[in-house]
PDB file of N, CA and C in Angstrom:
ATOM      1  N   UNK A   1     -16.756 -20.758  -9.146  1.00  0.00           N
ATOM      2  CA  UNK A   1     -15.921 -20.602  -8.240  1.00  0.00           C
ATOM      3  C   UNK A   1     -14.673 -22.208  -8.267  1.00  0.00           C
ATOM      4  N   UNK A   2     -14.586 -22.695  -9.349  1.00  0.00           N
ATOM      5  CA  UNK A   2     -13.461 -23.620  -9.432  1.00  0.00           C
ATOM      6  C   UNK A   2     -12.370 -23.136  -9.562  1.00  0.00           C
ATOM      7  N   UNK A   3     -12.332 -21.834 -10.150  1.00  0.00           N
ATOM      8  CA  UNK A   3     -10.925 -21.097 -10.237  1.00  0.00           C
ATOM      9  C   UNK A   3     -10.278 -21.046  -8.587  1.00  0.00           C
ATOM     10  N   UNK A   4     -11.130 -20.513  -7.705  1.00  0.00           N
ATOM     11  CA  UNK A   4     -10.591 -20.459  -6.237  1.00  0.00           C
ATOM     12  C   UNK A   4     -10.233 -21.514  -5.597  1.00  0.00           C
ATOM     13  N   UNK A   5     -10.600 -22.733  -6.079  1.00  0.00           N
ATOM     14  CA  UNK A   5      -9.968 -24.114  -5.353  1.00  0.00           C
ATOM     15  C   UNK A   5      -9.305 -24.875  -6.228  1.00  0.00           C
ATOM     16  N   UNK A   6      -8.932 -24.581  -7.668  1.00  0.00           N
ATOM     17  CA  UNK A   6      -8.001 -25.323  -8.699  1.00  0.00           C
ATOM     18  C   UNK A   6      -6.449 -24.720  -8.150  1.00  0.00           C
ATOM     19  N   UNK A   7      -5.449 -25.584  -8.397  1.00  0.00           N
ATOM     20  CA  UNK A   7      -4.746 -25.332  -8.446  1.00  0.00           C
ATOM     21  C   UNK A   7      -3.869 -26.049  -9.250  1.00  0.00           C
ATOM     22  N   UNK A   8      -3.184 -25.678 -10.299  1.00  0.00           N
ATOM     23  CA  UNK A   8      -2.226 -26.175 -11.604  1.00  0.00           C
ATOM     24  C   UNK A   8      -0.972 -26.314 -10.811  1.00  0.00           C
ATOM     25  N   UNK A   9       0.114 -27.123 -11.969  1.00  0.00           N
ATOM     26  CA  UNK A   9       1.133 -27.216 -11.540  1.00  0.00           C
ATOM     27  C   UNK A   9       1.673 -26.267 -11.055  1.00  0.00           C
ATOM     28  N   UNK A  10       2.830 -26.121 -10.010  1.00  0.00           N
ATOM     29  CA  UNK A  10       3.400 -24.881  -9.620  1.00  0.00           C
ATOM     30  C   UNK A  10       2.783 -23.376  -9.313  1.00  0.00           C
ATOM     31  N   UNK A  11       1.492 -23.829  -8.958  1.00  0.00           N
ATOM     32  CA  UNK A  11       0.408 -22.639  -8.497  1.00  0.00           C
ATOM     33  C   UNK A  11       0.023 -22.938  -7.178  1.00  0.00           C
ATOM     34  N   UNK A  12      -0.337 -21.836  -6.534  1.00  0.00           N
ATOM     35  CA  UNK A  12      -0.898 -21.883  -4.954  1.00  0.00           C
ATOM     36  C   UNK A  12      -2.442 -21.316  -5.441  1.00  0.00           C
ATOM     37  N   UNK A  13      -3.555 -22.050  -4.840  1.00  0.00           N
ATOM     38  CA  UNK A  13      -4.864 -21.809  -4.940  1.00  0.00           C
ATOM     39  C   UNK A  13      -5.312 -19.993  -4.400  1.00  0.00           C
ATOM     40  N   UNK A  14      -6.087 -19.729  -5.018  1.00  0.00           N
ATOM     41  CA  UNK A  14      -6.564 -18.066  -4.513  1.00  0.00           C
ATOM     42  C   UNK A  14      -6.921 -18.143  -3.013  1.00  0.00           C
ATOM     43  N   UNK A  15      -7.191 -19.145  -2.702  1.00  0.00           N
ATOM     44  CA  UNK A  15      -7.545 -19.133  -0.957  1.00  0.00           C
ATOM     45  C   UNK A  15      -6.567 -18.183  -0.246  1.00  0.00           C
ATOM     46  N   UNK A  16      -5.321 -18.090  -0.560  1.00  0.00           N
ATOM     47  CA  UNK A  16      -4.257 -17.645   0.409  1.00  0.00           C
ATOM     48  C   UNK A  16      -4.298 -16.172  -0.091  1.00  0.00           C
ATOM     49  N   UNK A  17      -4.868 -15.457  -1.125  1.00  0.00           N
ATOM     50  CA  UNK A  17      -4.831 -14.101  -1.593  1.00  0.00           C
ATOM     51  C   UNK A  17      -5.069 -13.271  -0.574  1.00  0.00           C
ATOM     52  N   UNK A  18      -6.228 -13.100   0.093  1.00  0.00           N
ATOM     53  CA  UNK A  18      -6.795 -12.603   1.279  1.00  0.00           C
ATOM     54  C   UNK A  18      -5.605 -12.267   2.187  1.00  0.00           C
ATOM     55  N   UNK A  19      -5.162 -13.523   2.502  1.00  0.00           N
ATOM     56  CA  UNK A  19      -4.406 -13.611   4.033  1.00  0.00           C
ATOM     57  C   UNK A  19      -2.848 -13.089   3.472  1.00  0.00           C
ATOM     58  N   UNK A  20      -2.704 -12.809   2.320  1.00  0.00           N
ATOM     59  CA  UNK A  20      -1.096 -12.237   1.867  1.00  0.00           C
ATOM     60  C   UNK A  20      -1.369 -10.893   1.612  1.00  0.00           C
ATOM     61  N   UNK A  21      -2.213 -10.455   1.090  1.00  0.00           N
ATOM     62  CA  UNK A  21      -2.807  -9.082   1.201  1.00  0.00           C
ATOM     63  C   UNK A  21      -3.120  -8.308   2.369  1.00  0.00           C
ATOM     64  N   UNK A  22      -3.794  -9.075   2.974  1.00  0.00           N
ATOM     65  CA  UNK A  22      -4.177  -8.161   4.318  1.00  0.00           C
ATOM     66  C   UNK A  22      -2.991  -7.832   5.355  1.00  0.00           C
ATOM     67  N   UNK A  23      -1.716  -9.159   5.090  1.00  0.00           N
ATOM     68  CA  UNK A  23      -0.260  -8.879   5.480  1.00  0.00           C
ATOM     69  C   UNK A  23       0.353  -7.820   5.279  1.00  0.00           C
ATOM     70  N   UNK A  24       0.449  -7.779   3.702  1.00  0.00           N
ATOM     71  CA  UNK A  24       1.064  -6.637   3.436  1.00  0.00           C
ATOM     72  C   UNK A  24       0.430  -5.487   3.748  1.00  0.00           C
ATOM     73  N   UNK A  25      -0.887  -5.145   3.269  1.00  0.00           N
ATOM     74  CA  UNK A  25      -1.797  -3.823   3.970  1.00  0.00           C
ATOM     75  C   UNK A  25      -1.278  -3.862   5.389  1.00  0.00           C
ATOM     76  N   UNK A  26      -1.376  -4.429   6.245  1.00  0.00           N
ATOM     77  CA  UNK A  26      -1.076  -4.078   7.706  1.00  0.00           C
ATOM     78  C   UNK A  26       0.083  -3.848   8.222  1.00  0.00           C
ATOM     79  N   UNK A  27       1.405  -4.439   7.278  1.00  0.00           N
ATOM     80  CA  UNK A  27       2.493  -4.256   7.447  1.00  0.00           C
ATOM     81  C   UNK A  27       2.867  -2.587   7.238  1.00  0.00           C
ATOM     82  N   UNK A  28       2.207  -2.294   5.767  1.00  0.00           N
ATOM     83  CA  UNK A  28       2.223  -1.094   5.325  1.00  0.00           C
ATOM     84  C   UNK A  28       1.734   0.141   5.972  1.00  0.00           C
ATOM     85  N   UNK A  29       0.759  -0.163   6.606  1.00  0.00           N
ATOM     86  CA  UNK A  29      -0.206   0.823   7.447  1.00  0.00           C
ATOM     87  C   UNK A  29       0.465   1.279   8.813  1.00  0.00           C
ATOM     88  N   UNK A  30       1.047  -0.032   9.161  1.00  0.00           N
ATOM     89  CA  UNK A  30       1.912   0.068  10.325  1.00  0.00           C
ATOM     90  C   UNK A  30       3.362   0.866  10.159  1.00  0.00           C
ATOM     91  N   UNK A  31       3.808   0.949   8.955  1.00  0.00           N
ATOM     92  CA  UNK A  31       5.133   1.382   8.704  1.00  0.00           C
ATOM     93  C   UNK A  31       4.926   2.992   8.442  1.00  0.00           C
ATOM     94  N   UNK A  32       3.605   3.155   7.610  1.00  0.00           N
ATOM     95  CA  UNK A  32       3.038   4.733   7.199  1.00  0.00           C
ATOM     96  C   UNK A  32       2.571   5.055   8.394  1.00  0.00           C
ATOM     97  N   UNK A  33       2.211   4.650   9.289  1.00  0.00           N
ATOM     98  CA  UNK A  33       1.797   5.700  10.201  1.00  0.00           C
ATOM     99  C   UNK A  33       2.795   5.944  11.334  1.00  0.00           C
ATOM    100  N   UNK A  34       3.651   5.121  11.476  1.00  0.00           N
ATOM    101  CA  UNK A  34       4.998   5.197  12.394  1.00  0.00           C
ATOM    102  C   UNK A  34       5.495   6.222  11.582  1.00  0.00           C
ATOM    103  N   UNK A  35       5.883   6.225  10.181  1.00  0.00           N
ATOM    104  CA  UNK A  35       6.266   7.469   9.796  1.00  0.00           C
ATOM    105  C   UNK A  35       5.766   8.642   9.700  1.00  0.00           C
ATOM    106  N   UNK A  36       4.671   8.460   9.775  1.00  0.00           N
ATOM    107  CA  UNK A  36       3.842   9.919   9.783  1.00  0.00           C
ATOM    108  C   UNK A  36       3.969  10.776  11.191  1.00  0.00           C
ATOM    109  N   UNK A  37       3.994   9.588  12.279  1.00  0.00           N
ATOM    110  CA  UNK A  37       4.140  10.221  13.530  1.00  0.00           C
ATOM    111  C   UNK A  37       5.527  11.247  13.529  1.00  0.00           C
ATOM    112  N   UNK A  38       6.660   9.994  13.008  1.00  0.00           N
ATOM    113  CA  UNK A  38       8.044  10.871  12.829  1.00  0.00           C
ATOM    114  C   UNK A  38       8.090  12.078  12.459  1.00  0.00           C
ATOM    115  N   UNK A  39       7.396  12.077  11.009  1.00  0.00           N
ATOM    116  CA  UNK A  39       7.509  13.174  10.380  1.00  0.00           C
ATOM    117  C   UNK A  39       6.573  14.359  11.374  1.00  0.00           C
ATOM    118  N   UNK A  40       5.576  14.283  12.113  1.00  0.00           N
ATOM    119  CA  UNK A  40       5.234  15.113  12.452  1.00  0.00           C
ATOM    120  C   UNK A  40       5.856  15.888  13.744  1.00  0.00           C
ATOM    121  N   UNK A  41       6.930  14.926  14.001  1.00  0.00           N
ATOM    122  CA  UNK A  41       7.954  15.474  15.109  1.00  0.00           C
ATOM    123  C   UNK A  41       8.652  16.276  14.797  1.00  0.00           C
ATOM    124  N   UNK A  42       9.017  16.546  13.510  1.00  0.00           N
ATOM    125  CA  UNK A  42       9.816  17.581  13.120  1.00  0.00           C
ATOM    126  C   UNK A  42       9.321  18.970  13.106  1.00  0.00           C
ATOM    127  N   UNK A  43       9.953  20.067  13.788  1.00  0.00           N
ATOM    128  CA  UNK A  43       9.826  21.168  14.011  1.00  0.00           C
ATOM    129  C   UNK A  43      10.684  21.787  15.079  1.00  0.00           C
ATOM    130  N   UNK A  44      10.029  23.057  15.882  1.00  0.00           N
ATOM    131  CA  UNK A  44      11.012  23.534  16.735  1.00  0.00           C
ATOM    132  C   UNK A  44      10.040  24.270  18.015  1.00  0.00           C
ATOM    133  N   UNK A  45      11.206  24.442  18.752  1.00  0.00           N
ATOM    134  CA  UNK A  45      10.256  24.746  20.004  1.00  0.00           C
ATOM    135  C   UNK A  45      10.287  26.530  20.160  1.00  0.00           C
ATOM    136  N   UNK A  46       9.291  27.263  20.051  1.00  0.00           N
ATOM    137  CA  UNK A  46       9.233  28.314  19.996  1.00  0.00           C
ATOM    138  C   UNK A  46       9.315  29.044  21.746  1.00  0.00           C
ATOM    139  N   UNK A  47      10.674  29.602  21.976  1.00  0.00           N
ATOM    140  CA  UNK A  47      10.657  29.887  23.563  1.00  0.00           C
ATOM    141  C   UNK A  47      10.233  31.616  23.862  1.00  0.00           C
ATOM    142  N   UNK A  48       9.750  32.036  22.564  1.00  0.00           N
ATOM    143  CA  UNK A  48       9.700  33.844  22.436  1.00  0.00           C
ATOM    144  C   UNK A  48       7.979  33.813  22.597  1.00  0.00           C
ATOM    145  N   UNK A  49       7.290  33.198  23.317  1.00  0.00           N
ATOM    146  CA  UNK A  49       6.013  33.610  23.361  1.00  0.00           C
ATOM    147  C   UNK A  49       5.351  35.138  23.645  1.00  0.00           C
ATOM    148  N   UNK A  50       6.063  35.807  24.126  1.00  0.00           N
ATOM    149  CA  UNK A  50       5.609  37.263  24.451  1.00  0.00           C
ATOM    150  C   UNK A  50       6.454  38.259  23.728  1.00  0.00           C
ATOM    151  N   UNK A  51       5.584  39.034  23.039  1.00  0.00           N
ATOM    152  CA  UNK A  51       6.299  40.110  22.023  1.00  0.00           C
ATOM    153  C   UNK A  51       5.515  41.633  22.918  1.00  0.00           C
ATOM    154  N   UNK A  52       6.901  42.571  22.924  1.00  0.00           N
ATOM    155  CA  UNK A  52       6.479  43.817  23.257  1.00  0.00           C
ATOM    156  C   UNK A  52       6.955  44.826  22.307  1.00  0.00           C
ATOM    157  N   UNK A  53       6.333  45.527  21.723  1.00  0.00           N
ATOM    158  CA  UNK A  53       6.764  46.628  20.481  1.00  0.00           C
ATOM    159  C   UNK A  53       7.337  45.813  19.610  1.00  0.00           C
ATOM    160  N   UNK A  54       6.763  44.438  19.297  1.00  0.00           N
ATOM    161  CA  UNK A  54       7.427  43.645  18.192  1.00  0.00           C
ATOM    162  C   UNK A  54       9.155  43.196  18.544  1.00  0.00           C
ATOM    163  N   UNK A  55       9.200  42.982  19.772  1.00  0.00           N
ATOM    164  CA  UNK A  55      10.581  42.776  20.254  1.00  0.00           C
ATOM    165  C   UNK A  55      10.298  41.320  21.146  1.00  0.00           C
ATOM    166  N   UNK A  56      10.868  40.185  20.673  1.00  0.00           N
ATOM    167  CA  UNK A  56      10.375  38.889  21.258  1.00  0.00           C
ATOM    168  C   UNK A  56      11.128  38.694  22.626  1.00  0.00           C
ATOM    169  N   UNK A  57      10.515  38.585  23.562  1.00  0.00           N
ATOM    170  CA  UNK A  57      11.218  38.260  24.823  1.00  0.00           C
ATOM    171  C   UNK A  57      10.819  36.723  25.165  1.00  0.00           C
ATOM    172  N   UNK A  58      11.736  36.064  25.839  1.00  0.00           N
ATOM    173  CA  UNK A  58      12.035  34.600  25.910  1.00  0.00           C
ATOM    174  C   UNK A  58      11.192  34.991  27.538  1.00  0.00           C
ATOM    175  N   UNK A  59      10.473  33.704  27.330  1.00  0.00           N
ATOM    176  CA  UNK A  59       9.329  33.523  28.404  1.00  0.00           C
ATOM    177  C   UNK A  59       9.112  32.080  28.675  1.00  0.00           C
ATOM    178  N   UNK A  60       8.263  31.960  29.865  1.00  0.00           N
ATOM    179  CA  UNK A  60       8.238  30.570  30.381  1.00  0.00           C
ATOM    180  C   UNK A  60       7.322  29.660  29.571  1.00  0.00           C
ATOM    181  N   UNK A  61       6.487  30.136  28.704  1.00  0.00           N
ATOM    182  CA  UNK A  61       5.716  29.764  27.865  1.00  0.00           C
ATOM    183  C   UNK A  61       6.768  29.296  26.412  1.00  0.00           C
ATOM    184  N   UNK A  62       6.104  27.992  26.127  1.00  0.00           N
ATOM    185  CA  UNK A  62       6.788  27.319  25.298  1.00  0.00           C
ATOM    186  C   UNK A  62       6.103  26.797  24.028  1.00  0.00           C
ATOM    187  N   UNK A  63       5.892  26.714  23.108  1.00  0.00           N
ATOM    188  CA  UNK A  63       4.899  26.021  21.930  1.00  0.00           C
ATOM    189  C   UNK A  63       5.824  25.450  20.816  1.00  0.00           C
ATOM    190  N   UNK A  64       5.406  24.149  20.521  1.00  0.00           N
ATOM    191  CA  UNK A  64       5.891  23.313  19.218  1.00  0.00           C
ATOM    192  C   UNK A  64       5.561  24.037  17.763  1.00  0.00           C
ATOM    193  N   UNK A  65       6.216  24.401  17.009  1.00  0.00           N
ATOM    194  CA  UNK A  65       5.813  24.879  15.960  1.00  0.00           C
ATOM    195  C   UNK A  65       6.506  24.217  14.727  1.00  0.00           C
ATOM    196  N   UNK A  66       5.770  23.983  13.593  1.00  0.00           N
ATOM    197  CA  UNK A  66       6.221  23.769  12.375  1.00  0.00           C
ATOM    198  C   UNK A  66       7.118  24.790  11.518  1.00  0.00           C
ATOM    199  N   UNK A  67       8.267  24.237  10.773  1.00  0.00           N
ATOM    200  CA  UNK A  67       8.544  24.998   9.984  1.00  0.00           C
ATOM    201  C   UNK A  67       7.662  25.556   8.549  1.00  0.00           C
ATOM    202  N   UNK A  68       7.902  26.602   7.962  1.00  0.00           N
ATOM    203  CA  UNK A  68       6.966  27.172   7.121  1.00  0.00           C
ATOM    204  C   UNK A  68       6.724  25.913   6.002  1.00  0.00           C
ATOM    205  N   UNK A  69       7.670  25.135   5.473  1.00  0.00           N
ATOM    206  CA  UNK A  69       7.438  24.390   4.370  1.00  0.00           C
ATOM    207  C   UNK A  69       7.109  23.070   5.084  1.00  0.00           C
ATOM    208  N   UNK A  70       7.101  22.821   5.870  1.00  0.00           N
ATOM    209  CA  UNK A  70       6.747  21.415   6.354  1.00  0.00           C
ATOM    210  C   UNK A  70       5.640  20.834   6.282  1.00  0.00           C
ATOM    211  N   UNK A  71       4.539  21.613   6.369  1.00  0.00           N
ATOM    212  CA  UNK A  71       2.671  20.961   6.062  1.00  0.00           C
ATOM    213  C   UNK A  71       2.614  20.668   4.673  1.00  0.00           C
ATOM    214  N   UNK A  72       3.420  21.377   3.779  1.00  0.00           N
ATOM    215  CA  UNK A  72       3.160  20.531   2.526  1.00  0.00           C
ATOM    216  C   UNK A  72       3.854  19.344   2.428  1.00  0.00           C
ATOM    217  N   UNK A  73       4.892  19.257   3.043  1.00  0.00           N
ATOM    218  CA  UNK A  73       5.441  17.896   3.195  1.00  0.00           C
ATOM    219  C   UNK A  73       4.862  16.937   3.558  1.00  0.00           C
ATOM    220  N   UNK A  74       4.071  17.040   4.805  1.00  0.00           N
ATOM    221  CA  UNK A  74       3.014  16.355   5.209  1.00  0.00           C
ATOM    222  C   UNK A  74       2.075  16.009   4.496  1.00  0.00           C
ATOM    223  N   UNK A  75       1.369  16.768   4.014  1.00  0.00           N
ATOM    224  CA  UNK A  75       0.414  16.937   2.982  1.00  0.00           C
ATOM    225  C   UNK A  75       0.882  15.448   1.795  1.00  0.00           C
ATOM    226  N   UNK A  76       2.394  15.878   1.298  1.00  0.00           N
ATOM    227  CA  UNK A  76       2.502  15.046   0.182  1.00  0.00           C
ATOM    228  C   UNK A  76       2.961  13.716   0.818  1.00  0.00           C
ATOM    229  N   UNK A  77       3.168  13.368   2.065  1.00  0.00           N
ATOM    230  CA  UNK A  77       3.512  12.285   2.506  1.00  0.00           C
ATOM    231  C   UNK A  77       2.318  11.421   2.701  1.00  0.00           C
ATOM    232  N   UNK A  78       1.259  12.229   3.146  1.00  0.00           N
ATOM    233  CA  UNK A  78       0.048  11.464   3.217  1.00  0.00           C
ATOM    234  C   UNK A  78      -0.483  10.915   1.662  1.00  0.00           C
ATOM    235  N   UNK A  79      -0.642  11.756   1.103  1.00  0.00           N
ATOM    236  CA  UNK A  79      -0.760  11.401  -0.387  1.00  0.00           C
ATOM    237  C   UNK A  79      -0.226  10.435  -1.232  1.00  0.00           C
ATOM    238  N   UNK A  80       1.154  10.427  -0.780  1.00  0.00           N
ATOM    239  CA  UNK A  80       2.084   9.131  -1.595  1.00  0.00           C
ATOM    240  C   UNK A  80       1.795   8.122  -0.672  1.00  0.00           C
ATOM    241  N   UNK A  81       1.392   7.927   0.652  1.00  0.00           N
ATOM    242  CA  UNK A  81       0.878   7.012   1.352  1.00  0.00           C
ATOM    243  C   UNK A  81      -0.324   6.411   1.054  1.00  0.00           C
ATOM    244  N   UNK A  82      -1.187   7.063   0.567  1.00  0.00           N
ATOM    245  CA  UNK A  82      -2.477   6.870  -0.100  1.00  0.00           C
ATOM    246  C   UNK A  82      -2.516   6.024  -1.565  1.00  0.00           C
ATOM    247  N   UNK A  83      -1.412   7.088  -2.360  1.00  0.00           N
ATOM    248  CA  UNK A  83      -1.280   6.112  -3.519  1.00  0.00           C
ATOM    249  C   UNK A  83      -0.565   4.575  -3.351  1.00  0.00           C
ATOM    250  N   UNK A  84       0.058   4.371  -2.370  1.00  0.00           N
ATOM    251  CA  UNK A  84       0.692   3.306  -2.178  1.00  0.00           C
ATOM    252  C   UNK A  84      -0.302   2.114  -1.669  1.00  0.00           C
ATOM    253  N   UNK A  85      -1.412   2.576  -0.743  1.00  0.00           N
ATOM    254  CA  UNK A  85      -2.163   1.771  -0.525  1.00  0.00           C
ATOM    255  C   UNK A  85      -2.957   1.283  -1.878  1.00  0.00           C
ATOM    256  N   UNK A  86      -3.709   2.325  -2.092  1.00  0.00           N
ATOM    257  CA  UNK A  86      -3.972   1.924  -3.663  1.00  0.00           C
ATOM    258  C   UNK A  86      -3.651   0.894  -4.622  1.00  0.00           C
ATOM    259  N   UNK A  87      -2.170   1.300  -4.625  1.00  0.00           N
ATOM    260  CA  UNK A  87      -1.462   0.271  -5.462  1.00  0.00           C
ATOM    261  C   UNK A  87      -1.382  -1.195  -5.206  1.00  0.00           C
ATOM    262  N   UNK A  88      -1.217  -1.471  -3.677  1.00  0.00           N
ATOM    263  CA  UNK A  88      -1.192  -2.306  -3.017  1.00  0.00           C
ATOM    264  C   UNK A  88      -2.669  -3.349  -3.389  1.00  0.00           C
ATOM    265  N   UNK A  89      -3.851  -2.554  -3.371  1.00  0.00           N
ATOM    266  CA  UNK A  89      -5.162  -2.898  -3.500  1.00  0.00           C
ATOM    267  C   UNK A  89      -5.289  -3.445  -5.180  1.00  0.00           C
ATOM    268  N   UNK A  90      -4.760  -2.586  -5.630  1.00  0.00           N
ATOM    269  CA  UNK A  90      -4.908  -2.800  -7.201  1.00  0.00           C
ATOM    270  C   UNK A  90      -3.975  -4.197  -7.625  1.00  0.00           C
ATOM    271  N   UNK A  91      -2.924  -4.248  -6.999  1.00  0.00           N
ATOM    272  CA  UNK A  91      -1.978  -5.392  -7.529  1.00  0.00           C
ATOM    273  C   UNK A  91      -2.742  -6.784  -6.861  1.00  0.00           C
ATOM    274  N   UNK A  92      -3.354  -6.630  -5.756  1.00  0.00           N
ATOM    275  CA  UNK A  92      -4.130  -7.724  -5.557  1.00  0.00           C
ATOM    276  C   UNK A  92      -5.241  -8.195  -6.512  1.00  0.00           C
ATOM    277  N   UNK A  93      -5.771  -6.895  -6.878  1.00  0.00           N
ATOM    278  CA  UNK A  93      -7.311  -7.133  -7.765  1.00  0.00           C
ATOM    279  C   UNK A  93      -6.136  -7.927  -9.219  1.00  0.00           C
ATOM    280  N   UNK A  94      -5.184  -7.561  -9.566  1.00  0.00           N
ATOM    281  CA  UNK A  94      -4.565  -7.955 -10.844  1.00  0.00           C
ATOM    282  C   UNK A  94      -3.929  -9.213 -10.352  1.00  0.00           C
ATOM    283  N   UNK A  95      -3.910  -9.948  -9.338  1.00  0.00           N
ATOM    284  CA  UNK A  95      -3.386 -10.984  -9.039  1.00  0.00           C
ATOM    285  C   UNK A  95      -4.864 -12.197  -9.413  1.00  0.00           C
ATOM    286  N   UNK A  96      -5.624 -11.619  -8.788  1.00  0.00           N
ATOM    287  CA  UNK A  96      -7.114 -12.437  -9.262  1.00  0.00           C
ATOM    288  C   UNK A  96      -7.525 -12.528 -10.732  1.00  0.00           C
ATOM    289  N   UNK A  97      -7.049 -11.313 -11.286  1.00  0.00           N
ATOM    290  CA  UNK A  97      -7.703 -11.386 -12.697  1.00  0.00           C
ATOM    291  C   UNK A  97      -6.973 -12.072 -13.545  1.00  0.00           C
ATOM    292  N   UNK A  98      -5.248 -12.325 -13.056  1.00  0.00           N
ATOM    293  CA  UNK A  98      -4.454 -12.791 -14.005  1.00  0.00           C
ATOM    294  C   UNK A  98      -4.650 -14.378 -13.568  1.00  0.00           C
ATOM    295  N   UNK A  99      -4.945 -14.683 -12.310  1.00  0.00           N
ATOM    296  CA  UNK A  99      -5.520 -16.209 -11.930  1.00  0.00           C
ATOM    297  C   UNK A  99      -6.446 -16.707 -12.811  1.00  0.00           C
ATOM    298  N   UNK A 100      -7.625 -16.033 -13.016  1.00  0.00           N
ATOM    299  CA  UNK A 100      -8.931 -16.205 -13.642  1.00  0.00           C
ATOM    300  C   UNK A 100      -8.513 -16.729 -14.852  1.00  0.00           C
ATOM    301  N   UNK A 101      -7.771 -15.564 -15.561  1.00  0.00           N
ATOM    302  CA  UNK A 101      -7.581 -15.830 -17.080  1.00  0.00           C
ATOM    303  C   UNK A 101      -6.872 -17.087 -17.202  1.00  0.00           C
ATOM    304  N   UNK A 102      -5.500 -17.031 -16.170  1.00  0.00           N
ATOM    305  CA  UNK A 102      -4.635 -18.316 -16.798  1.00  0.00           C
ATOM    306  C   UNK A 102      -5.578 -19.770 -16.380  1.00  0.00           C
ATOM    307  N   UNK A 103      -6.492 -19.807 -15.352  1.00  0.00           N
ATOM    308  CA  UNK A 103      -7.408 -21.185 -15.264  1.00  0.00           C
ATOM    309  C   UNK A 103      -8.166 -21.431 -16.373  1.00  0.00           C
ATOM    310  N   UNK A 104      -8.791 -20.069 -17.150  1.00  0.00           N
ATOM    311  CA  UNK A 104     -10.106 -20.102 -17.585  1.00  0.00           C
ATOM    312  C   UNK A 104      -9.466 -20.459 -19.180  1.00  0.00           C
ATOM    313  N   UNK A 105      -8.583 -19.868 -19.851  1.00  0.00           N
ATOM    314  CA  UNK A 105      -7.792 -20.219 -20.920  1.00  0.00           C
ATOM    315  C   UNK A 105      -6.781 -20.756 -21.030  1.00  0.00           C
ATOM    316  N   UNK A 106      -7.118 -22.459 -20.589  1.00  0.00           N
ATOM    317  CA  UNK A 106      -6.205 -23.470 -20.549  1.00  0.00           C
ATOM    318  C   UNK A 106      -5.891 -24.288 -22.162  1.00  0.00           C
ATOM    319  N   UNK A 107      -4.950 -24.777 -22.159  1.00  0.00           N
ATOM    320  CA  UNK A 107      -4.754 -25.417 -23.287  1.00  0.00           C
ATOM    321  C   UNK A 107      -5.417 -26.493 -23.621  1.00  0.00           C
ATOM    322  N   UNK A 108      -6.323 -26.628 -24.822  1.00  0.00           N
ATOM    323  CA  UNK A 108      -6.972 -27.796 -24.885  1.00  0.00           C
ATOM    324  C   UNK A 108      -6.144 -28.618 -25.928  1.00  0.00           C
ATOM    325  N   UNK A 109      -6.362 -30.061 -25.085  1.00  0.00           N
ATOM    326  CA  UNK A 109      -5.694 -31.181 -26.015  1.00  0.00           C
ATOM    327  C   UNK A 109      -7.182 -31.917 -26.789  1.00  0.00           C
ATOM    328  N   UNK A 110      -7.157 -32.221 -27.875  1.00  0.00           N
ATOM    329  CA  UNK A 110      -7.642 -32.911 -28.660  1.00  0.00           C
ATOM    330  C   UNK A 110      -7.489 -34.234 -29.007  1.00  0.00           C
ATOM    331  N   UNK A 111      -8.368 -35.338 -29.057  1.00  0.00           N
ATOM    332  CA  UNK A 111      -8.012 -36.459 -29.491  1.00  0.00           C
ATOM    333  C   UNK A 111      -8.695 -36.914 -30.668  1.00  0.00           C
ATOM    334  N   UNK A 112      -7.991 -37.275 -31.568  1.00  0.00           N
ATOM    335  CA  UNK A 112      -8.352 -37.369 -33.112  1.00  0.00           C
ATOM    336  C   UNK A 112      -8.836 -39.139 -33.074  1.00  0.00           C
ATOM    337  N   UNK A 113      -9.996 -39.219 -33.876  1.00  0.00           N
ATOM    338  CA  UNK A 113     -10.541 -40.479 -34.191  1.00  0.00           C
ATOM    339  C   UNK A 113      -9.355 -41.739 -34.210  1.00  0.00           C
ATOM    340  N   UNK A 114      -8.529 -41.012 -34.892  1.00  0.00           N
ATOM    341  CA  UNK A 114      -7.158 -42.443 -35.467  1.00  0.00           C
ATOM    342  C   UNK A 114      -6.364 -42.463 -34.079  1.00  0.00           C
ATOM    343  N   UNK A 115      -6.290 -41.816 -33.120  1.00  0.00           N
ATOM    344  CA  UNK A 115      -5.849 -42.343 -32.049  1.00  0.00           C
ATOM    345  C   UNK A 115      -4.676 -41.473 -31.671  1.00  0.00           C
ATOM    346  N   UNK A 116      -4.197 -40.548 -32.410  1.00  0.00           N
ATOM    347  CA  UNK A 116      -3.241 -39.459 -32.192  1.00  0.00           C
ATOM    348  C   UNK A 116      -3.774 -38.184 -31.493  1.00  0.00           C
ATOM    349  N   UNK A 117      -2.952 -37.744 -30.777  1.00  0.00           N
ATOM    350  CA  UNK A 117      -2.844 -36.377 -29.922  1.00  0.00           C
ATOM    351  C   UNK A 117      -2.757 -35.368 -30.889  1.00  0.00           C
ATOM    352  N   UNK A 118      -3.324 -33.973 -30.997  1.00  0.00           N
ATOM    353  CA  UNK A 118      -3.098 -33.076 -31.116  1.00  0.00           C
ATOM    354  C   UNK A 118      -3.324 -31.670 -30.628  1.00  0.00           C
ATOM    355  N   UNK A 119      -2.386 -30.596 -30.506  1.00  0.00           N
ATOM    356  CA  UNK A 119      -2.575 -29.684 -29.571  1.00  0.00           C
ATOM    357  C   UNK A 119      -3.040 -28.324 -30.471  1.00  0.00           C
ATOM    358  N   UNK A 120      -3.971 -27.483 -29.595  1.00  0.00           N
ATOM    359  CA  UNK A 120      -4.548 -26.337 -30.551  1.00  0.00           C
ATOM    360  C   UNK A 120      -3.994 -25.506 -30.023  1.00  0.00           C
TER     361      UNK A 120
END
């Protein structure tokens, strides 16, 4: 757990990662849900609810309907939103992996018996 609390020069500790990732996820999910609600509002009002001999008659009944091509667009929007959500989570995992590797594989400075320093 030394990696979580250590901070080398120019870096921040990993304690901030959950807060930052949570904020990104919250903002993305908020925007994605608002966007999905806007996408669900695309359609038309069908005024011809009654048909006699296949002839539409304008009536008092109204119903909201999607265009025939809009449902695949909603499915595509949902799949892309899930993919972006997974990408944000994977990016958080990569940050942790990179920070651990950067912490673990530090440059070792050895001191010779003659008093000179050398880097490996």
